[in-house]
Each structure stands twice: as structure tokens, then as C-alpha cells.
Protein backbone atom coordinates (compact mmCIF):
# COMPACT_ATOMS: atom_id res chain seq x y z
CA UNK A 1 -147.24 -24.63 2.31
CA UNK A 2 -150.62 -24.55 0.57
CA UNK A 3 -152.84 -27.56 -0.05
CA UNK A 4 -155.74 -27.33 -2.47
CA UNK A 5 -158.50 -29.92 -2.34
CA UNK A 6 -162.09 -30.56 -3.31
CA UNK A 7 -161.83 -31.11 -7.03
CA UNK A 8 -163.57 -33.90 -8.85
CA UNK A 9 -165.96 -34.88 -11.61
CA UNK A 10 -169.35 -33.19 -11.70
CA UNK A 11 -172.13 -32.83 -14.25
CA UNK A 12 -172.92 -29.49 -15.80
CA UNK A 13 -175.11 -27.47 -13.48
CA UNK A 14 -173.63 -29.10 -10.41
CA UNK A 15 -171.57 -27.68 -7.57
CA UNK A 16 -168.19 -28.22 -5.97
CA UNK A 17 -166.44 -26.61 -3.04
CA UNK A 18 -162.69 -26.18 -3.22
CA UNK A 19 -160.57 -25.56 -0.16
CA UNK A 20 -157.10 -24.11 0.22
CA UNK A 21 -155.39 -24.89 3.51
CA UNK A 22 -152.22 -23.31 4.83
CA UNK A 23 -149.75 -25.17 6.98
CA UNK A 24 -147.00 -23.41 8.86
CA UNK A 25 -148.62 -20.03 8.37
CA UNK A 26 -151.81 -18.03 8.22
CA UNK A 27 -153.82 -16.29 5.51
CA UNK A 28 -154.57 -13.30 7.74
CA UNK A 29 -151.87 -11.07 6.26
CA UNK A 30 -152.26 -12.09 2.65
CA UNK A 31 -154.51 -11.71 -0.32
CA UNK A 32 -155.64 -15.17 -1.38
CA UNK A 33 -156.74 -15.95 -4.91
CA UNK A 34 -157.92 -18.82 -7.02
CA UNK A 35 -156.68 -19.31 -10.54
CA UNK A 36 -157.31 -22.08 -13.03
CA UNK A 37 -155.43 -23.53 -15.94
CA UNK A 38 -156.98 -25.59 -18.72
CA UNK A 39 -154.83 -27.76 -21.01
CA UNK A 40 -152.94 -25.63 -23.50
CA UNK A 41 -154.03 -22.39 -21.88
CA UNK A 42 -152.46 -19.88 -19.56
CA UNK A 43 -153.30 -19.69 -15.88
CA UNK A 44 -156.28 -17.39 -15.48
CA UNK A 45 -157.67 -15.45 -12.58
CA UNK A 46 -160.93 -16.60 -11.01
CA UNK A 47 -161.43 -14.93 -7.65
CA UNK A 48 -159.58 -13.19 -4.85
CA UNK A 49 -160.09 -12.12 -1.27
CA UNK A 50 -158.08 -8.96 -0.76
CA UNK A 51 -156.33 -8.40 2.56
CA UNK A 52 -156.29 -4.61 2.15
CA UNK A 53 -160.04 -4.15 2.30
CA UNK A 54 -161.43 -7.67 2.77
CA UNK A 55 -163.38 -7.30 -0.45
CA UNK A 56 -163.79 -10.05 -3.00
CA UNK A 57 -163.04 -9.84 -6.70
CA UNK A 58 -164.16 -12.11 -9.51
CA UNK A 59 -163.53 -12.66 -13.16
CA UNK A 60 -166.63 -11.93 -15.21
CA UNK A 61 -166.78 -15.56 -16.36
CA UNK A 62 -167.59 -16.77 -12.84
CA UNK A 63 -169.32 -13.76 -11.29
CA UNK A 64 -172.62 -14.81 -9.74
CA UNK A 65 -171.68 -18.51 -9.82
CA UNK A 66 -168.55 -18.72 -7.68
CA UNK A 67 -167.92 -17.36 -4.19
CA UNK A 68 -164.62 -17.06 -2.34
CA UNK A 69 -164.58 -16.97 1.43
CA UNK A 70 -162.14 -17.12 4.32
CA UNK A 71 -162.49 -19.36 7.33
CA UNK A 72 -159.96 -17.94 9.77
CA UNK A 73 -160.79 -20.49 12.45
CA UNK A 74 -159.80 -23.33 10.12
CA UNK A 75 -157.12 -21.32 8.31
CA UNK A 76 -158.66 -22.10 4.95
CA UNK A 77 -159.92 -20.18 1.95
CA UNK A 78 -162.80 -21.77 0.10
CA UNK A 79 -164.21 -21.45 -3.38
CA UNK A 80 -167.86 -22.43 -3.72
CA UNK A 81 -168.61 -23.18 -7.35
CA UNK A 82 -172.22 -23.42 -8.49
CA UNK A 83 -173.87 -23.82 -11.88
CA UNK A 84 -170.73 -25.39 -13.25
CA UNK A 85 -170.18 -25.47 -16.99
CA UNK A 86 -167.96 -27.72 -19.13
CA UNK A 87 -165.74 -24.70 -19.81
CA UNK A 88 -164.96 -24.54 -16.08
CA UNK A 89 -162.94 -27.73 -16.51
CA UNK A 90 -159.35 -27.02 -15.43
CA UNK A 91 -156.79 -27.50 -12.69
CA UNK A 92 -157.57 -24.98 -9.96
CA UNK A 93 -154.77 -23.38 -7.94
CA UNK A 94 -154.80 -21.21 -4.85
CA UNK A 95 -152.16 -18.58 -4.42
CA UNK A 96 -151.18 -16.05 -1.77
CA UNK A 97 -149.46 -12.72 -2.12
CA UNK A 98 -149.76 -9.03 -1.46
CA UNK A 99 -150.73 -7.52 -4.80
CA UNK A 100 -152.08 -4.02 -5.10
CA UNK A 101 -155.76 -4.03 -5.99
CA UNK A 102 -155.16 -3.05 -9.59
CA UNK A 103 -152.92 -6.11 -10.03
CA UNK A 104 -155.00 -8.59 -8.08
CA UNK A 105 -155.73 -10.70 -11.15
CA UNK A 106 -152.08 -11.09 -12.19
CA UNK A 107 -150.62 -14.51 -11.39
CA UNK A 108 -147.11 -13.04 -11.15
CA UNK A 109 -148.19 -11.11 -8.04
CA UNK A 110 -148.64 -14.31 -6.01
CA UNK A 111 -145.59 -16.01 -4.57
CA UNK A 112 -146.94 -19.10 -2.87
CA UNK A 113 -149.05 -21.65 -4.73
CA UNK A 114 -150.85 -24.85 -3.88
CA UNK A 115 -150.36 -27.97 -5.98
CA UNK A 116 -153.66 -27.68 -7.83
CA UNK A 117 -156.85 -29.71 -7.81
CA UNK A 118 -158.57 -30.96 -10.96
CA UNK A 119 -162.16 -30.00 -11.70
CA UNK A 120 -163.89 -31.81 -14.56
CA UNK A 121 -167.37 -30.77 -15.64
CA UNK A 122 -169.16 -33.15 -17.98
CA UNK A 123 -171.87 -32.03 -20.38
């Protein structure tokens, strides 16, 4: 079971740190990704930490502002979000799966999801 936390209300330019915790399992054998979904829009890829090569991947819209990291000791995957913009407002979800690298941004490749945490960025 995945539990996402850390969302909240922040002003534009501010920062938030999201956390995805796993209970009853470990992230060690999985690729972990963050997606987000704004009202009326499809779920979109934000970032991933790939288990195959331990590299990180980002959507262009967040590259340089967001950073995904694993904390194996705490069994969490974190998303540090800096320089937040109003267009970052969405419900953020963490997911785990074993996608091939070329499909790492496809939501259908992830088979466990957290419940989502709401991030609201005010202008």
C-alpha cells in the first residue's frame, strides 16, 4: 500500500516536499514515479526513479525545479518541488511498476498507486 503526503497550499515561487511511503513492501525492486492530475485533465507524468539504472527522469515542465529521490532507510520516495507555479496545482500521485525505460512516462505501466495529495499554488 502506498501513502502520499506533503501536499498543501503554497504561494508561487515557494517549495513543497512530497513523500510516498510504502507499507507491507519495499521500493527496492520497482521504478517509482510521480504523476499529477489537474481538474478536467488527464494524469500526467512528472518524474521517475528507474530501478533498472537508478537514473531519474523528468517531464520538461518540471526539469530543473523538481527532484525525485529515494530514501531506502525510510522506505520512501520523495519529490522536492521548488519554484512552484500556479500551473503546478494538481493532485499528485505516486505509482510503482516495472516499465521499460521508453515507457517510463506512461501511467498504464504502473500498477500500484497512492491515494494522491493535493498541491495548490496561489499566484
